[in-house]
C-alpha atoms as a PDB file:
ATOM      1  CA  MET A   1      34.147  -7.978   0.367  1.00  0.00           C
ATOM      2  CA  ARG A   2      31.675  -8.545  -2.472  1.00  0.00           C
ATOM      3  CA  LYS A   3      28.323  -6.819  -2.179  1.00  0.00           C
ATOM      4  CA  LEU A   4      25.433  -9.264  -2.290  1.00  0.00           C
ATOM      5  CA  LYS A   5      23.406  -8.822  -5.484  1.00  0.00           C
ATOM      6  CA  LEU A   6      19.644  -8.552  -5.166  1.00  0.00           C
ATOM      7  CA  LEU A   7      17.006  -8.356  -7.893  1.00  0.00           C
ATOM      8  CA  LEU A   8      13.906  -6.510  -6.736  1.00  0.00           C
ATOM      9  CA  VAL A   9      10.882  -7.289  -8.899  1.00  0.00           C
ATOM     10  CA  GLY A  10       8.236  -4.581  -8.724  1.00  0.00           C
ATOM     11  CA  ASP A  11       7.206  -1.220 -10.134  1.00  0.00           C
ATOM     12  CA  TYR A  12       9.945   1.212  -9.143  1.00  0.00           C
ATOM     13  CA  LYS A  13       9.336   4.951  -9.404  1.00  0.00           C
ATOM     14  CA  ILE A  14      11.563   7.766  -8.150  1.00  0.00           C
ATOM     15  CA  ASN A  15       8.395   9.618  -7.113  1.00  0.00           C
ATOM     16  CA  PRO A  16       5.967   6.838  -6.139  1.00  0.00           C
ATOM     17  CA  SER A  17       2.267   7.647  -6.037  1.00  0.00           C
ATOM     18  CA  GLU A  18       0.732   4.235  -5.371  1.00  0.00           C
ATOM     19  CA  GLY A  19       1.146   1.685  -2.583  1.00  0.00           C
ATOM     20  CA  MET A  20       3.091  -0.960  -4.493  1.00  0.00           C
ATOM     21  CA  GLU A  21       5.418   1.699  -5.871  1.00  0.00           C
ATOM     22  CA  VAL A  22       5.985   3.100  -2.372  1.00  0.00           C
ATOM     23  CA  ILE A  23       6.922  -0.316  -1.024  1.00  0.00           C
ATOM     24  CA  THR A  24       9.230  -1.107  -3.944  1.00  0.00           C
ATOM     25  CA  LYS A  25      11.059   2.210  -3.728  1.00  0.00           C
ATOM     26  CA  ARG A  26      11.548   2.022   0.029  1.00  0.00           C
ATOM     27  CA  PHE A  27      12.818  -1.543  -0.253  1.00  0.00           C
ATOM     28  CA  THR A  28      15.278  -0.416  -2.920  1.00  0.00           C
ATOM     29  CA  ASP A  29      16.556   2.597  -0.991  1.00  0.00           C
ATOM     30  CA  ARG A  30      16.814   0.816   2.342  1.00  0.00           C
ATOM     31  CA  LEU A  31      18.486  -2.314   0.966  1.00  0.00           C
ATOM     32  CA  LYS A  32      21.050  -0.139  -0.804  1.00  0.00           C
ATOM     33  CA  SER A  33      21.731   1.755   2.416  1.00  0.00           C
ATOM     34  CA  ASN A  34      22.158  -1.617   4.129  1.00  0.00           C
ATOM     35  CA  GLY A  35      25.006  -2.409   1.751  1.00  0.00           C
ATOM     36  CA  PHE A  36      23.384  -4.492  -0.993  1.00  0.00           C
ATOM     37  CA  ASP A  37      23.772  -4.153  -4.755  1.00  0.00           C
ATOM     38  CA  VAL A  38      20.123  -3.766  -5.869  1.00  0.00           C
ATOM     39  CA  THR A  39      18.720  -3.994  -9.395  1.00  0.00           C
ATOM     40  CA  ASN A  40      15.073  -3.174 -10.154  1.00  0.00           C
ATOM     41  CA  MET A  41      12.996  -4.945 -12.763  1.00  0.00           C
ATOM     42  CA  THR A  42       9.300  -5.310 -13.552  1.00  0.00           C
ATOM     43  CA  SER A  43       7.756  -8.775 -13.910  1.00  0.00           C
ATOM     44  CA  LYS A  44       7.412  -8.180 -17.643  1.00  0.00           C
ATOM     45  CA  ASN A  45      11.103  -7.359 -18.035  1.00  0.00           C
ATOM     46  CA  PHE A  46      11.963 -10.365 -15.881  1.00  0.00           C
ATOM     47  CA  ILE A  47      10.164 -12.662 -18.330  1.00  0.00           C
ATOM     48  CA  PHE A  48      11.951 -11.226 -21.372  1.00  0.00           C
ATOM     49  CA  SER A  49      15.321 -11.254 -19.564  1.00  0.00           C
ATOM     50  CA  PHE A  50      14.933 -14.528 -17.724  1.00  0.00           C
ATOM     51  CA  PHE A  51      18.176 -16.184 -18.783  1.00  0.00           C
ATOM     52  CA  GLN A  52      20.050 -12.958 -18.152  1.00  0.00           C
ATOM     53  CA  VAL A  53      18.606 -13.070 -14.632  1.00  0.00           C
ATOM     54  CA  LEU A  54      19.393 -16.758 -14.285  1.00  0.00           C
ATOM     55  CA  PHE A  55      23.086 -16.221 -14.981  1.00  0.00           C
ATOM     56  CA  GLY A  56      23.321 -12.711 -13.553  1.00  0.00           C
ATOM     57  CA  GLY A  57      24.889 -13.783 -10.279  1.00  0.00           C
ATOM     58  CA  TYR A  58      21.994 -12.612  -8.109  1.00  0.00           C
ATOM     59  CA  ASP A  59      21.993 -13.873  -4.543  1.00  0.00           C
ATOM     60  CA  ARG A  60      18.263 -13.313  -4.094  1.00  0.00           C
ATOM     61  CA  VAL A  61      15.198 -12.332  -6.090  1.00  0.00           C
ATOM     62  CA  ILE A  62      12.632 -10.393  -4.053  1.00  0.00           C
ATOM     63  CA  PHE A  63       9.051  -9.892  -5.253  1.00  0.00           C
ATOM     64  CA  THR A  64       7.264  -6.933  -3.665  1.00  0.00           C
ATOM     65  CA  HIS A  65       3.964  -7.168  -5.603  1.00  0.00           C
ATOM     66  CA  GLY A  66       1.218  -9.709  -5.087  1.00  0.00           C
ATOM     67  CA  PRO A  67       2.270 -12.474  -5.338  1.00  0.00           C
ATOM     68  CA  GLY A  68       0.004 -13.308  -8.224  1.00  0.00           C
ATOM     69  CA  LYS A  69       0.330 -15.695 -11.121  1.00  0.00           C
ATOM     70  CA  GLY A  70       3.274 -13.703 -12.527  1.00  0.00           C
ATOM     71  CA  ALA A  71       5.383 -14.046  -9.374  1.00  0.00           C
ATOM     72  CA  TYR A  72       4.345 -17.702  -9.134  1.00  0.00           C
ATOM     73  CA  LEU A  73       5.405 -18.459 -12.717  1.00  0.00           C
ATOM     74  CA  LEU A  74       8.735 -16.662 -12.392  1.00  0.00           C
ATOM     75  CA  THR A  75       9.469 -18.412  -9.102  1.00  0.00           C
ATOM     76  CA  LEU A  76       8.614 -21.714 -10.752  1.00  0.00           C
ATOM     77  CA  LEU A  77      11.066 -20.950 -13.570  1.00  0.00           C
ATOM     78  CA  CYS A  78      13.790 -20.152 -11.047  1.00  0.00           C
ATOM     79  CA  SER A  79      13.033 -23.453  -9.340  1.00  0.00           C
ATOM     80  CA  VAL A  80      13.200 -25.519 -12.530  1.00  0.00           C
ATOM     81  CA  PHE A  81      16.419 -23.891 -13.758  1.00  0.00           C
ATOM     82  CA  TYR A  82      18.021 -23.747 -10.285  1.00  0.00           C
ATOM     83  CA  GLY A  83      18.095 -19.989 -10.246  1.00  0.00           C
ATOM     84  CA  PRO A  84      18.664 -17.700  -7.262  1.00  0.00           C
ATOM     85  CA  LYS A  85      16.661 -18.072  -4.054  1.00  0.00           C
ATOM     86  CA  VAL A  86      13.344 -16.230  -4.013  1.00  0.00           C
ATOM     87  CA  ILE A  87      11.652 -14.138  -1.327  1.00  0.00           C
ATOM     88  CA  TRP A  88       8.020 -13.045  -1.514  1.00  0.00           C
ATOM     89  CA  VAL A  89       6.821  -9.905   0.255  1.00  0.00           C
ATOM     90  CA  ALA A  90       3.129 -10.726  -0.004  1.00  0.00           C
ATOM     91  CA  THR A  91       1.439  -7.336  -0.066  1.00  0.00           C
ATOM     92  CA  ARG A  92      -1.691  -8.535  -1.875  1.00  0.00           C
ATOM     93  CA  PRO A  93      -1.610 -12.292  -2.542  1.00  0.00           C
ATOM     94  CA  ASN A  94      -3.790 -13.688  -5.330  1.00  0.00           C
ATOM     95  CA  LEU A  95      -2.816 -17.269  -6.136  1.00  0.00           C
ATOM     96  CA  SER A  96      -6.200 -18.894  -6.628  1.00  0.00           C
ATOM     97  CA  LEU A  97      -5.408 -19.916 -10.234  1.00  0.00           C
ATOM     98  CA  THR A  98      -2.028 -21.528  -9.604  1.00  0.00           C
ATOM     99  CA  THR A  99      -2.941 -24.865  -7.993  1.00  0.00           C
ATOM    100  CA  MET A 100      -2.800 -26.679 -11.361  1.00  0.00           C
ATOM    101  CA  PHE A 101       1.020 -26.407 -11.270  1.00  0.00           C
ATOM    102  CA  ASP A 102       1.468 -27.864  -7.790  1.00  0.00           C
ATOM    103  CA  PHE A 103       2.950 -31.104  -9.122  1.00  0.00           C
ATOM    104  CA  LEU A 104       5.990 -29.187 -10.426  1.00  0.00           C
ATOM    105  CA  LEU A 105       9.163 -28.364  -8.522  1.00  0.00           C
ATOM    106  CA  PHE A 106       8.721 -25.206  -6.496  1.00  0.00           C
ATOM    107  CA  LYS A 107      11.375 -23.549  -4.353  1.00  0.00           C
ATOM    108  CA  LEU A 108      10.963 -20.520  -2.125  1.00  0.00           C
ATOM    109  CA  ASP A 109      13.282 -19.190   0.541  1.00  0.00           C
ATOM    110  CA  LYS A 110      10.910 -17.003   2.565  1.00  0.00           C
ATOM    111  CA  ILE A 111       7.385 -15.579   2.541  1.00  0.00           C
ATOM    112  CA  TYR A 112       6.509 -12.424   4.450  1.00  0.00           C
ATOM    113  CA  CYS A 113       2.786 -11.748   4.678  1.00  0.00           C
ATOM    114  CA  GLY A 114       0.388  -9.648   6.717  1.00  0.00           C
ATOM    115  CA  LYS A 115      -2.002 -12.565   7.232  1.00  0.00           C
ATOM    116  CA  CYS A 116      -1.874 -16.350   7.413  1.00  0.00           C
ATOM    117  CA  GLU A 117      -3.247 -16.857   3.908  1.00  0.00           C
ATOM    118  CA  ILE A 118      -3.908 -20.568   3.324  1.00  0.00           C
ATOM    119  CA  ARG A 119      -2.476 -20.740  -0.192  1.00  0.00           C
ATOM    120  CA  LEU A 120       0.755 -19.075   0.946  1.00  0.00           C
ATOM    121  CA  THR A 121       1.195 -21.353   3.941  1.00  0.00           C
ATOM    122  CA  GLU A 122       0.613 -24.362   1.646  1.00  0.00           C
ATOM    123  CA  LEU A 123       3.317 -23.156  -0.740  1.00  0.00           C
ATOM    124  CA  ALA A 124       5.692 -22.468   2.132  1.00  0.00           C
ATOM    125  CA  LYS A 125       5.272 -26.049   3.330  1.00  0.00           C
ATOM    126  CA  LYS A 126       5.604 -27.494  -0.191  1.00  0.00           C
ATOM    127  CA  SER A 127       8.807 -25.565  -0.912  1.00  0.00           C
ATOM    128  CA  ASN A 128      10.339 -25.848   2.579  1.00  0.00           C
ATOM    129  CA  ALA A 129      10.241 -22.074   2.866  1.00  0.00           C
ATOM    130  CA  SER A 130       9.786 -20.243   6.129  1.00  0.00           C
ATOM    131  CA  PHE A 131       6.573 -18.238   6.538  1.00  0.00           C
ATOM    132  CA  GLU A 132       6.480 -15.147   8.721  1.00  0.00           C
ATOM    133  CA  ARG A 133       3.463 -13.016   9.468  1.00  0.00           C
ATOM    134  CA  VAL A 134       4.594  -9.403   9.549  1.00  0.00           C
ATOM    135  CA  VAL A 135       3.285  -5.867   9.259  1.00  0.00           C
ATOM    136  CA  ILE A 136       4.004  -4.479   5.792  1.00  0.00           C
ATOM    137  CA  GLY A 137       4.035  -0.894   6.949  1.00  0.00           C
ATOM    138  CA  ILE A 138       4.573   2.613   5.623  1.00  0.00           C
ATOM    139  CA  ASP A 139       7.536   4.751   4.681  1.00  0.00           C
ATOM    140  CA  PHE A 140       7.648   7.326   7.469  1.00  0.00           C
ATOM    141  CA  GLU A 141      10.001   9.456   5.373  1.00  0.00           C
ATOM    142  CA  ARG A 142       7.007  10.352   3.170  1.00  0.00           C
ATOM    143  CA  LEU A 143       5.278  11.943   6.150  1.00  0.00           C
ATOM    144  CA  LYS A 144       8.045  14.110   7.517  1.00  0.00           C
ATOM    145  CA  ASN A 145       6.972  17.721   7.702  1.00  0.00           C
ATOM    146  CA  SER A 146       9.267  20.007   5.788  1.00  0.00           C
ATOM    147  CA  SER A 147      10.337  23.319   7.247  1.00  0.00           C
ATOM    148  CA  ALA A 148       9.581  24.967   3.919  1.00  0.00           C
ATOM    149  CA  LYS A 149       6.170  26.141   2.740  1.00  0.00           C
ATOM    150  CA  ALA A 150       3.516  23.424   2.605  1.00  0.00           C
ATOM    151  CA  SER A 151       3.439  21.618  -0.741  1.00  0.00           C
ATOM    152  CA  ILE A 152      -0.348  21.888  -0.958  1.00  0.00           C
ATOM    153  CA  THR A 153      -2.937  24.316   0.423  1.00  0.00           C
ATOM    154  CA  LYS A 154      -6.489  23.583   1.540  1.00  0.00           C
ATOM    155  CA  LYS A 155      -7.883  25.660  -1.316  1.00  0.00           C
ATOM    156  CA  LEU A 156      -5.939  23.589  -3.810  1.00  0.00           C
ATOM    157  CA  LEU A 157      -7.009  20.351  -2.148  1.00  0.00           C
ATOM    158  CA  VAL A 158     -10.751  21.064  -1.986  1.00  0.00           C
ATOM    159  CA  GLY A 159     -10.952  22.703  -5.421  1.00  0.00           C
ATOM    160  CA  ASP A 160     -12.653  25.818  -6.720  1.00  0.00           C
ATOM    161  CA  LYS A 161     -16.147  24.716  -5.647  1.00  0.00           C
ATOM    162  CA  GLY A 162     -15.167  23.660  -2.134  1.00  0.00           C
ATOM    163  CA  ASP A 163     -15.829  25.659   1.025  1.00  0.00           C
ATOM    164  CA  ILE A 164     -12.450  26.315   2.606  1.00  0.00           C
ATOM    165  CA  ASN A 165     -14.128  26.567   6.037  1.00  0.00           C
ATOM    166  CA  ALA A 166     -15.860  23.182   5.822  1.00  0.00           C
ATOM    167  CA  PRO A 167     -14.222  19.963   7.113  1.00  0.00           C
ATOM    168  CA  VAL A 168     -12.403  17.664   4.693  1.00  0.00           C
ATOM    169  CA  VAL A 169     -13.187  13.988   4.154  1.00  0.00           C
ATOM    170  CA  LEU A 170     -10.321  12.329   2.271  1.00  0.00           C
ATOM    171  CA  HIS A 171      -9.710   9.076   0.467  1.00  0.00           C
ATOM    172  CA  VAL A 172      -6.378   8.164  -1.135  1.00  0.00           C
ATOM    173  CA  GLY A 173      -6.469   5.492  -3.807  1.00  0.00           C
ATOM    174  CA  HIS A 174      -7.280   4.334  -7.309  1.00  0.00           C
ATOM    175  CA  LEU A 175     -10.110   5.888  -9.300  1.00  0.00           C
ATOM    176  CA  ARG A 176     -11.689   2.552 -10.118  1.00  0.00           C
ATOM    177  CA  SER A 177     -15.116   0.997  -9.766  1.00  0.00           C
ATOM    178  CA  ASN A 178     -14.057  -1.609  -7.192  1.00  0.00           C
ATOM    179  CA  ARG A 179     -12.894   1.008  -4.676  1.00  0.00           C
ATOM    180  CA  GLY A 180     -16.294   1.788  -3.162  1.00  0.00           C
ATOM    181  CA  LEU A 181     -16.122   5.453  -4.147  1.00  0.00           C
ATOM    182  CA  ASN A 182     -19.895   5.550  -4.544  1.00  0.00           C
ATOM    183  CA  LYS A 183     -19.985   5.725  -0.733  1.00  0.00           C
ATOM    184  CA  LEU A 184     -18.116   9.016  -0.904  1.00  0.00           C
ATOM    185  CA  VAL A 185     -20.814  10.252  -3.270  1.00  0.00           C
ATOM    186  CA  GLU A 186     -23.441   9.282  -0.697  1.00  0.00           C
ATOM    187  CA  ILE A 187     -21.573  11.203   2.015  1.00  0.00           C
ATOM    188  CA  LYS A 188     -21.369  14.308  -0.156  1.00  0.00           C
ATOM    189  CA  SER A 189     -25.029  13.956  -1.149  1.00  0.00           C
ATOM    190  CA  LYS A 190     -26.152  13.870   2.482  1.00  0.00           C
ATOM    191  CA  LEU A 191     -23.948  16.726   3.705  1.00  0.00           C
ATOM    192  CA  GLN A 192     -23.699  18.915   0.601  1.00  0.00           C
ATOM    193  CA  GLU A 193     -21.783  22.150   1.368  1.00  0.00           C
ATOM    194  CA  LYS A 194     -21.204  21.085   4.978  1.00  0.00           C
ATOM    195  CA  VAL A 195     -18.248  18.966   3.855  1.00  0.00           C
ATOM    196  CA  ASN A 196     -15.470  18.814   1.286  1.00  0.00           C
ATOM    197  CA  VAL A 197     -14.960  15.317  -0.078  1.00  0.00           C
ATOM    198  CA  VAL A 198     -11.580  14.805  -1.754  1.00  0.00           C
ATOM    199  CA  VAL A 199     -10.027  11.837  -3.549  1.00  0.00           C
ATOM    200  CA  LEU A 200      -6.254  11.877  -3.907  1.00  0.00           C
ATOM    201  CA  GLY A 201      -5.592   9.669  -6.911  1.00  0.00           C
ATOM    202  CA  SER A 202      -2.439   8.421  -8.542  1.00  0.00           C
ATOM    203  CA  PRO A 203      -1.054  10.548 -11.396  1.00  0.00           C
ATOM    204  CA  SER A 204       0.632   7.497 -12.917  1.00  0.00           C
ATOM    205  CA  LEU A 205      -2.150   4.886 -12.997  1.00  0.00           C
ATOM    206  CA  SER A 206      -5.154   4.567 -15.259  1.00  0.00           C
ATOM    207  CA  ALA A 207      -8.598   5.561 -14.002  1.00  0.00           C
ATOM    208  CA  ASP A 208     -12.140   4.506 -14.886  1.00  0.00           C
ATOM    209  CA  ASN A 209     -13.784   7.329 -16.820  1.00  0.00           C
ATOM    210  CA  ASP A 210     -17.212   6.537 -15.401  1.00  0.00           C
ATOM    211  CA  VAL A 211     -15.834   6.842 -11.871  1.00  0.00           C
ATOM    212  CA  ILE A 212     -14.274  10.225 -12.659  1.00  0.00           C
ATOM    213  CA  GLU A 213     -17.565  11.370 -14.173  1.00  0.00           C
ATOM    214  CA  MET A 214     -19.505  10.182 -11.104  1.00  0.00           C
ATOM    215  CA  LEU A 215     -17.214  12.013  -8.676  1.00  0.00           C
ATOM    216  CA  ASN A 216     -17.119  15.237 -10.691  1.00  0.00           C
ATOM    217  CA  LYS A 217     -20.884  15.237 -11.165  1.00  0.00           C
ATOM    218  CA  ASN A 218     -21.436  15.001  -7.416  1.00  0.00           C
ATOM    219  CA  GLY A 219     -19.066  17.757  -6.342  1.00  0.00           C
ATOM    220  CA  ILE A 220     -16.150  15.608  -5.179  1.00  0.00           C
ATOM    221  CA  ASN A 221     -12.749  17.073  -5.901  1.00  0.00           C
ATOM    222  CA  ILE A 222     -10.190  14.793  -7.538  1.00  0.00           C
ATOM    223  CA  TYR A 223      -6.549  15.686  -7.017  1.00  0.00           C
ATOM    224  CA  CYS A 224      -4.106  13.627  -9.069  1.00  0.00           C
ATOM    225  CA  GLU A 225      -0.839  15.500  -8.787  1.00  0.00           C
ATOM    226  CA  HIS A 226       2.278  14.211  -7.057  1.00  0.00           C
ATOM    227  CA  VAL A 227       2.531  15.577  -3.511  1.00  0.00           C
ATOM    228  CA  SER A 228       6.096  15.875  -2.216  1.00  0.00           C
ATOM    229  CA  ASN A 229       5.052  15.727   1.443  1.00  0.00           C
ATOM    230  CA  LEU A 230       1.925  13.701   2.232  1.00  0.00           C
ATOM    231  CA  ALA A 231       1.766  15.054   5.774  1.00  0.00           C
ATOM    232  CA  ASP A 232       0.639  18.344   4.224  1.00  0.00           C
ATOM    233  CA  VAL A 233      -2.439  16.585   2.815  1.00  0.00           C
ATOM    234  CA  TYR A 234      -3.297  14.643   5.960  1.00  0.00           C
ATOM    235  CA  ASN A 235      -2.868  17.758   8.110  1.00  0.00           C
ATOM    236  CA  LEU A 236      -5.633  19.390   6.058  1.00  0.00           C
ATOM    237  CA  THR A 237      -7.906  16.369   6.528  1.00  0.00           C
ATOM    238  CA  ASP A 238     -10.517  15.929   9.261  1.00  0.00           C
ATOM    239  CA  ILE A 239     -11.699  12.388   8.551  1.00  0.00           C
ATOM    240  CA  TYR A 240     -10.052   9.745   6.417  1.00  0.00           C
ATOM    241  CA  VAL A 241     -12.526   7.309   4.852  1.00  0.00           C
ATOM    242  CA  PHE A 242     -11.541   3.910   3.470  1.00  0.00           C
ATOM    243  CA  PRO A 243     -14.688   2.559   1.743  1.00  0.00           C
ATOM    244  CA  VAL A 244     -13.231  -0.466  -0.091  1.00  0.00           C
ATOM    245  CA  ASP A 245     -15.159  -3.730   0.268  1.00  0.00           C
ATOM    246  CA  SER A 246     -12.967  -6.743   1.051  1.00  0.00           C
ATOM    247  CA  VAL A 247     -14.992  -8.810  -1.422  1.00  0.00           C
ATOM    248  CA  ASN A 248     -13.933  -6.523  -4.266  1.00  0.00           C
ATOM    249  CA  GLY A 249     -10.275  -6.379  -3.211  1.00  0.00           C
ATOM    250  CA  GLY A 250      -8.103  -4.005  -5.163  1.00  0.00           C
ATOM    251  CA  ALA A 251      -5.969  -2.817  -2.260  1.00  0.00           C
ATOM    252  CA  ILE A 252      -3.054  -3.963  -0.149  1.00  0.00           C
ATOM    253  CA  ASP A 253      -4.189  -6.153   2.783  1.00  0.00           C
ATOM    254  CA  LEU A 254      -2.979  -3.505   5.225  1.00  0.00           C
ATOM    255  CA  PRO A 255      -3.749  -0.316   3.261  1.00  0.00           C
ATOM    256  CA  LEU A 256      -0.883   2.147   3.556  1.00  0.00           C
ATOM    257  CA  SER A 257      -3.135   5.204   3.392  1.00  0.00           C
ATOM    258  CA  VAL A 258      -4.975   4.178   6.557  1.00  0.00           C
ATOM    259  CA  ILE A 259      -1.707   3.850   8.472  1.00  0.00           C
ATOM    260  CA  GLU A 260      -0.484   7.163   7.043  1.00  0.00           C
ATOM    261  CA  ALA A 261      -3.656   8.922   8.166  1.00  0.00           C
ATOM    262  CA  LEU A 262      -3.338   7.468  11.670  1.00  0.00           C
ATOM    263  CA  ALA A 263       0.321   8.461  11.816  1.00  0.00           C
ATOM    264  CA  CYS A 264      -0.710  12.046  11.094  1.00  0.00           C
ATOM    265  CA  GLY A 265      -3.369  12.030  13.791  1.00  0.00           C
ATOM    266  CA  VAL A 266      -6.387  11.840  11.462  1.00  0.00           C
ATOM    267  CA  SER A 267      -9.562  10.040  12.523  1.00  0.00           C
ATOM    268  CA  VAL A 268     -10.349   7.049  10.290  1.00  0.00           C
ATOM    269  CA  ILE A 269     -13.662   5.477   9.315  1.00  0.00           C
ATOM    270  CA  SER A 270     -13.123   2.245   7.414  1.00  0.00           C
ATOM    271  CA  THR A 271     -14.651  -0.972   6.236  1.00  0.00           C
ATOM    272  CA  ARG A 272     -13.290  -4.114   7.877  1.00  0.00           C
ATOM    273  CA  PHE A 273     -10.905  -4.513   4.983  1.00  0.00           C
ATOM    274  CA  GLY A 274      -8.080  -7.054   4.915  1.00  0.00           C
ATOM    275  CA  VAL A 275      -6.175  -7.224   8.179  1.00  0.00           C
ATOM    276  CA  LEU A 276      -7.035  -3.699   9.356  1.00  0.00           C
ATOM    277  CA  PRO A 277      -9.188  -4.981  12.260  1.00  0.00           C
ATOM    278  CA  ASP A 278      -6.343  -7.257  13.389  1.00  0.00           C
ATOM    279  CA  TYR A 279      -4.171  -4.252  14.132  1.00  0.00           C
ATOM    280  CA  PHE A 280      -6.608  -1.396  14.830  1.00  0.00           C
ATOM    281  CA  GLU A 281      -9.739  -2.955  16.314  1.00  0.00           C
ATOM    282  CA  ASP A 282      -9.102  -1.329  19.687  1.00  0.00           C
ATOM    283  CA  ASN A 283      -7.668   1.924  18.383  1.00  0.00           C
ATOM    284  CA  PRO A 284      -9.967   4.801  19.453  1.00  0.00           C
ATOM    285  CA  GLN A 285      -8.886   6.740  16.373  1.00  0.00           C
ATOM    286  CA  VAL A 286     -10.552   4.164  14.083  1.00  0.00           C
ATOM    287  CA  ILE A 287     -14.236   3.376  13.548  1.00  0.00           C
ATOM    288  CA  PHE A 288     -14.961   0.174  11.643  1.00  0.00           C
ATOM    289  CA  SER A 289     -18.242  -0.020   9.783  1.00  0.00           C
ATOM    290  CA  ASP A 290     -19.347  -1.728   6.598  1.00  0.00           C
ATOM    291  CA  GLU A 291     -23.076  -1.246   6.013  1.00  0.00           C
ATOM    292  CA  LEU A 292     -23.174   1.962   8.106  1.00  0.00           C
ATOM    293  CA  LEU A 293     -19.937   3.571   6.897  1.00  0.00           C
ATOM    294  CA  VAL A 294     -21.778   6.466   5.247  1.00  0.00           C
ATOM    295  CA  GLU A 295     -23.980   7.051   8.300  1.00  0.00           C
ATOM    296  CA  LYS A 296     -20.996   6.949  10.677  1.00  0.00           C
ATOM    297  CA  THR A 297     -19.144   9.516   8.581  1.00  0.00           C
ATOM    298  CA  VAL A 298     -22.157  11.827   8.347  1.00  0.00           C
ATOM    299  CA  GLU A 299     -22.721  11.545  12.097  1.00  0.00           C
ATOM    300  CA  SER A 300     -19.086  12.377  12.817  1.00  0.00           C
ATOM    301  CA  ILE A 301     -19.204  15.491  10.637  1.00  0.00           C
ATOM    302  CA  GLU A 302     -22.535  16.738  11.951  1.00  0.00           C
ATOM    303  CA  SER A 303     -21.493  16.160  15.574  1.00  0.00           C
ATOM    304  CA  ASN A 304     -17.966  17.554  15.123  1.00  0.00           C
ATOM    305  CA  LEU A 305     -16.530  14.207  16.235  1.00  0.00           C
ATOM    306  CA  TYR A 306     -13.284  14.589  14.365  1.00  0.00           C
ATOM    307  CA  GLY A 307      -9.997  16.358  14.513  1.00  0.00           C
ATOM    308  CA  THR A 308      -6.352  16.096  13.571  1.00  0.00           C
ATOM    309  CA  SER A 309      -3.107  16.377  15.430  1.00  0.00           C
ATOM    310  CA  GLU A 310      -1.348  18.896  13.238  1.00  0.00           C
ATOM    311  CA  GLY A 311       2.403  18.953  13.112  1.00  0.00           C
ATOM    312  CA  SER A 312       4.814  16.079  13.427  1.00  0.00           C
ATOM    313  CA  VAL A 313       4.016  12.426  12.873  1.00  0.00           C
ATOM    314  CA  VAL A 314       2.341  10.986  15.950  1.00  0.00           C
ATOM    315  CA  SER A 315       3.600   7.944  17.742  1.00  0.00           C
ATOM    316  CA  LEU A 316       2.842   4.617  16.080  1.00  0.00           C
ATOM    317  CA  PRO A 317       4.641   1.422  17.087  1.00  0.00           C
ATOM    318  CA  GLU A 318       7.881   0.881  15.183  1.00  0.00           C
ATOM    319  CA  VAL A 319       6.376  -2.254  13.658  1.00  0.00           C
ATOM    320  CA  PHE A 320       4.339   0.002  11.329  1.00  0.00           C
ATOM    321  CA  ASN A 321       7.558   1.428   9.879  1.00  0.00           C
ATOM    322  CA  ILE A 322       8.338  -0.621   6.765  1.00  0.00           C
ATOM    323  CA  ASP A 323      12.043  -0.276   7.557  1.00  0.00           C
ATOM    324  CA  SER A 324      11.536  -2.882  10.304  1.00  0.00           C
ATOM    325  CA  LEU A 325      10.521  -5.459   7.693  1.00  0.00           C
ATOM    326  CA  ILE A 326      13.271  -4.456   5.267  1.00  0.00           C
ATOM    327  CA  ASP A 327      15.913  -4.796   7.981  1.00  0.00           C
ATOM    328  CA  ASN A 328      14.473  -8.233   8.771  1.00  0.00           C
ATOM    329  CA  VAL A 329      14.932  -9.196   5.109  1.00  0.00           C
ATOM    330  CA  SER A 330      18.454  -7.769   5.140  1.00  0.00           C
ATOM    331  CA  SER A 331      19.405  -9.824   8.210  1.00  0.00           C
ATOM    332  CA  LEU A 332      17.998 -13.008   6.676  1.00  0.00           C
ATOM    333  CA  ILE A 333      19.954 -12.588   3.437  1.00  0.00           C
ATOM    334  CA  SER A 334      23.193 -11.633   5.176  1.00  0.00           C
ATOM    335  CA  LYS A 335      22.941 -14.529   7.627  1.00  0.00           C
ATOM    336  CA  GLU A 336      22.186 -17.163   4.999  1.00  0.00           C
ATOM    337  CA  SER A 337      24.952 -15.890   2.712  1.00  0.00           C
ATOM    338  CA  LYS A 338      27.743 -16.345   5.274  1.00  0.00           C
END
């Protein structure tokens, strides 16, 4: 029996260090284990190889980034030239500039999204695609504790100037100006040596030099090396802080790092970003605060209102395992191909 051929459009890395890369790699690995023939390609390569894709015999094209104007344009091209069916895994939709092309033929098979985003539901209706609101979760394999020596120590995480006996406040994400990292500076400024503030950045993505300078100047340790087992990092963390403002965007609607922290038993203080409140509003492990995020974090440290559940990954509903979504995609493709 012929294996179904899938083209997965996204940034694939063997050792992913950023949310989109994590999702793309897990989709690739899981779809292959489910019996599909999977090819990876970036949006840029897709554009330059479009006719190769068009006649490549692919049964589906799956976009794991955005979708933004690139995914929209490539889907439009597939529609015009009667290419393979397209699936969008809408991790961070941004389609505000695409309405000018709505008069053109547009065909989609399925949209998976963490929220009922108006532009996506409009496109689903226009293209007779099905729309499903789902959790785009985490790869639990990245959090499995190894029996070997921990891949990172607290001393390495907090840096040479950090107090190894002080609690750790962690943020995982891009070193960019729209990430709200100035709030971490405020936390460090208020608590000084009472706390270690750490940012785990991506070793593969560009960073804003002024942001790096700001963090270094204020005693915040930046760690940008690949970590083989993220549970090691979270198990050294006392409070995870997600300071990103929804207005500025720049993150997946359901940030993977927040779910990872919760899975490792770490207390979380976060802005009301994306769809986080939809899933964790009533979770006692999460405090939501926008204007008072700094104050809430300082209060938690000074009052010792934190703690981690060291050891194995704690129980989170299976819906937060990205494999649930990938198996849903697998079932859809297999069913429609019979």
